[in-house]
Amino acid sequence: MADPLYFSLWFPSLRLEQLQIHLTSVLRQLPSPQVHAATVYALDWQQAPTFQRVYGNESTGAVPPEEAVAEALEFLHDDYAYEFETRWKLWMPEGDGLLDTLWREQELPLRIVAFGPEFDEGCYQQQGHIRIDIGLDTPFLCEEVPLDEEGQKRLQQNVLLLVALTKAVEKNCGAETRLLWTESEDNMASKLIARLQKLN
């Protein structure tokens, strides 16, 4: 069963004023470091956004991270969360999951969220100062799909993209603690290793 996948980052002694630097740095590590939308939430996720900006249309709208982050963080408060939508391309199976499975590269959303220390009762303690919402774990596991040679290759390509993203963030963003996790709290690293071992 598909499970939402996250990559959380905690920074040493993070002050709210440093959020812009860290956010921009994380966004710069993404495969396509362009922001398509920015949203700011106050207090918790139940509130309507206090700021929302979509940059252009689906196919052409995007701005550099520096521009989107500077605009959203004009509303800098301890109890706000800041969400930025980017995109990346992953291979996804199409068809009935049997012999005629086709694989197509699809553009999927990748969301980066930064939490003020008072947002949603200090949820950053569990969620991270910055959290990358990767989406469902399906493109990296495809547990329901029998994999032929092409399927194995496409799955491995997706996993390599995920590993490259986490390594780039780890190397370049100064986070003290990092965690790749799923909503069900299954050990994602173990699941990835087990799935890849089945391919060999």
Protein backbone atom coordinates (compact mmCIF):
# COMPACT_ATOMS: atom_id res chain seq x y z
CA MET A 1 0.00 0.00 0.00
CA ALA A 2 1.33 3.45 -0.97
CA ASP A 3 2.74 5.52 1.87
CA PRO A 4 3.59 9.26 1.95
CA LEU A 5 7.35 9.80 2.05
CA TYR A 6 9.23 12.66 3.73
CA PHE A 7 12.80 13.85 4.26
CA SER A 8 13.13 15.97 7.42
CA LEU A 9 16.00 18.27 8.35
CA TRP A 10 16.92 19.77 11.71
CA PHE A 11 19.49 22.56 11.94
CA PRO A 12 21.65 23.37 14.99
CA SER A 13 20.38 26.37 16.98
CA LEU A 14 18.19 27.58 14.12
CA ARG A 15 16.97 31.16 14.48
CA LEU A 16 13.94 32.30 12.52
CA GLU A 17 16.06 34.89 10.69
CA GLN A 18 18.23 32.08 9.27
CA LEU A 19 15.27 30.34 7.67
CA GLN A 20 15.67 32.17 4.36
CA ILE A 21 19.27 30.98 3.94
CA HIS A 22 18.46 27.36 4.77
CA LEU A 23 15.30 27.25 2.65
CA THR A 24 17.08 28.67 -0.38
CA SER A 25 19.95 26.24 0.11
CA VAL A 26 17.60 23.22 0.24
CA LEU A 27 15.62 24.37 -2.80
CA ARG A 28 18.88 24.80 -4.73
CA GLN A 29 19.68 21.07 -4.28
CA LEU A 30 16.53 19.89 -6.08
CA PRO A 31 16.73 18.31 -9.55
CA SER A 32 14.78 21.27 -10.93
CA PRO A 33 15.43 24.20 -8.57
CA GLN A 34 12.56 26.39 -9.70
CA VAL A 35 9.53 27.27 -7.57
CA HIS A 36 6.06 26.96 -9.13
CA ALA A 37 4.01 28.06 -6.11
CA ALA A 38 4.45 29.42 -2.58
CA THR A 39 1.95 29.31 0.29
CA VAL A 40 2.14 30.65 3.85
CA TYR A 41 0.01 29.23 6.69
CA ALA A 42 -0.54 30.80 10.11
CA LEU A 43 -0.94 28.89 13.41
CA ASP A 44 -1.72 25.41 11.97
CA TRP A 45 -2.85 23.56 8.84
CA GLN A 46 -6.54 24.20 9.61
CA GLN A 47 -6.24 27.89 8.79
CA ALA A 48 -6.70 29.40 5.34
CA PRO A 49 -3.40 30.53 3.78
CA THR A 50 -2.32 34.06 4.67
CA PHE A 51 -0.34 34.24 1.41
CA GLN A 52 -0.48 32.20 -1.79
CA ARG A 53 1.23 32.78 -5.11
CA VAL A 54 1.23 30.61 -8.22
CA TYR A 55 3.98 31.59 -10.61
CA GLY A 56 2.60 31.49 -14.15
CA ASN A 57 0.84 28.42 -15.51
CA GLU A 58 1.49 24.70 -15.19
CA SER A 59 3.90 24.39 -18.10
CA THR A 60 5.88 27.65 -17.93
CA GLY A 61 5.46 29.25 -14.52
CA ALA A 62 8.46 29.11 -12.21
CA VAL A 63 10.87 31.46 -10.46
CA PRO A 64 14.28 30.99 -8.82
CA PRO A 65 14.23 29.90 -5.16
CA GLU A 66 15.69 33.22 -3.98
CA GLU A 67 12.74 35.15 -5.43
CA ALA A 68 10.00 32.87 -4.07
CA VAL A 69 11.56 32.54 -0.61
CA ALA A 70 12.14 36.29 -0.24
CA GLU A 71 8.54 37.02 -1.20
CA ALA A 72 6.99 34.41 1.14
CA LEU A 73 9.25 35.27 4.07
CA GLU A 74 8.12 38.89 4.07
CA PHE A 75 5.52 37.29 6.39
CA LEU A 76 8.10 36.04 8.88
CA HIS A 77 6.49 34.89 12.13
CA ASP A 78 7.23 32.25 14.78
CA ASP A 79 3.85 30.59 14.22
CA TYR A 80 3.89 30.40 10.40
CA ALA A 81 4.73 27.59 7.98
CA TYR A 82 6.09 28.21 4.49
CA GLU A 83 5.42 25.77 1.64
CA PHE A 84 7.10 25.83 -1.77
CA GLU A 85 6.11 23.61 -4.68
CA THR A 86 8.68 22.45 -7.20
CA ARG A 87 8.59 19.51 -9.59
CA TRP A 88 10.73 16.59 -10.62
CA LYS A 89 10.46 13.80 -13.14
CA LEU A 90 10.11 10.18 -12.11
CA TRP A 91 9.28 7.01 -14.01
CA MET A 92 5.79 5.71 -13.31
CA PRO A 93 4.15 2.44 -14.43
CA GLU A 94 1.06 2.57 -16.62
CA GLY A 95 -1.22 -0.26 -17.67
CA ASP A 96 -2.89 -3.09 -15.79
CA GLY A 97 0.21 -4.12 -13.83
CA LEU A 98 0.60 -7.35 -15.81
CA LEU A 99 2.66 -8.10 -18.91
CA ASP A 100 1.85 -4.89 -20.77
CA THR A 101 3.11 -2.42 -18.13
CA LEU A 102 4.50 0.68 -19.78
CA TRP A 103 6.77 3.15 -18.02
CA ARG A 104 6.47 6.87 -18.64
CA GLU A 105 8.39 9.77 -17.19
CA GLN A 106 5.98 12.02 -15.31
CA GLU A 107 6.41 15.42 -13.73
CA LEU A 108 5.39 15.14 -10.07
CA PRO A 109 5.16 17.75 -7.31
CA LEU A 110 7.87 18.03 -4.69
CA ARG A 111 7.00 20.27 -1.74
CA ILE A 112 9.41 21.90 0.68
CA VAL A 113 7.94 23.12 3.97
CA ALA A 114 9.67 25.24 6.62
CA PHE A 115 8.16 25.50 10.09
CA GLY A 116 8.31 28.43 12.48
CA PRO A 117 9.03 27.24 16.04
CA GLU A 118 5.48 27.95 17.25
CA PHE A 119 3.59 26.64 14.22
CA ASP A 120 1.14 23.84 15.05
CA GLU A 121 2.34 23.60 18.67
CA GLY A 122 6.00 23.26 17.74
CA CYS A 123 5.54 20.46 15.20
CA TYR A 124 9.07 21.11 13.87
CA GLN A 125 10.35 18.95 16.74
CA GLN A 126 8.89 15.87 15.04
CA GLN A 127 8.64 17.14 11.44
CA GLY A 128 11.96 18.98 11.08
CA HIS A 129 12.79 22.65 10.70
CA ILE A 130 12.49 21.95 6.97
CA ARG A 131 10.60 18.98 5.54
CA ILE A 132 10.68 17.77 1.95
CA ASP A 133 7.34 16.19 1.02
CA ILE A 134 8.40 13.69 -1.62
CA GLY A 135 4.94 12.26 -2.34
CA LEU A 136 3.96 8.61 -2.27
CA ASP A 137 6.66 5.95 -2.02
CA THR A 138 5.21 4.15 -5.08
CA PRO A 139 7.82 5.33 -7.65
CA PHE A 140 10.62 3.94 -5.46
CA LEU A 141 9.08 0.59 -4.49
CA CYS A 142 6.34 -0.32 -7.01
CA GLU A 143 5.45 -3.22 -4.75
CA GLU A 144 2.24 -4.02 -6.66
CA VAL A 145 3.92 -4.15 -10.08
CA PRO A 146 5.72 -7.24 -11.44
CA LEU A 147 9.00 -5.86 -12.78
CA ASP A 148 10.51 -6.95 -16.08
CA GLU A 149 13.95 -5.75 -17.18
CA GLU A 150 12.69 -2.31 -18.17
CA GLY A 151 10.70 -1.97 -14.93
CA GLN A 152 13.79 -2.83 -12.88
CA LYS A 153 15.80 -0.22 -14.74
CA ARG A 154 13.15 2.49 -14.27
CA LEU A 155 12.73 1.71 -10.56
CA GLN A 156 16.49 1.88 -10.04
CA GLN A 157 16.61 5.24 -11.86
CA ASN A 158 13.95 6.61 -9.49
CA VAL A 159 15.82 5.36 -6.43
CA LEU A 160 19.05 6.92 -7.70
CA LEU A 161 17.27 10.28 -8.04
CA LEU A 162 16.01 10.01 -4.46
CA VAL A 163 19.47 9.08 -3.16
CA ALA A 164 21.06 11.93 -5.14
CA LEU A 165 18.58 14.40 -3.63
CA THR A 166 19.17 13.29 -0.04
CA LYS A 167 22.96 13.26 -0.53
CA ALA A 168 23.00 16.74 -2.08
CA VAL A 169 20.95 18.14 0.80
CA GLU A 170 23.11 16.34 3.36
CA LYS A 171 26.34 17.63 1.79
CA ASN A 172 25.36 21.23 1.07
CA CYS A 173 22.73 22.43 3.54
CA GLY A 174 24.29 22.17 7.00
CA ALA A 175 21.55 20.11 8.64
CA GLU A 176 22.59 18.50 11.91
CA THR A 177 20.03 15.68 11.73
CA ARG A 178 18.26 14.14 8.74
CA LEU A 179 15.54 11.52 8.53
CA LEU A 180 13.91 9.81 5.55
CA TRP A 181 10.58 8.51 6.83
CA THR A 182 7.09 7.42 5.87
CA GLU A 183 3.75 8.26 7.42
CA SER A 184 3.33 4.64 8.56
CA GLU A 185 6.77 4.94 10.23
CA ASP A 186 8.12 1.95 8.30
CA ASN A 187 11.89 2.06 7.86
CA MET A 188 12.15 3.42 4.32
CA ALA A 189 15.85 2.67 3.94
CA SER A 190 15.22 -1.00 4.81
CA LYS A 191 12.28 -1.16 2.39
CA LEU A 192 14.38 0.31 -0.43
CA ILE A 193 17.25 -2.10 0.21
CA ALA A 194 14.90 -5.08 0.34
CA ARG A 195 13.18 -4.05 -2.88
CA LEU A 196 16.45 -3.51 -4.74
CA GLN A 197 17.81 -6.87 -3.50
CA LYS A 198 14.81 -8.58 -5.08
CA LEU A 199 15.85 -7.10 -8.42
CA ASN A 200 19.28 -8.76 -8.34
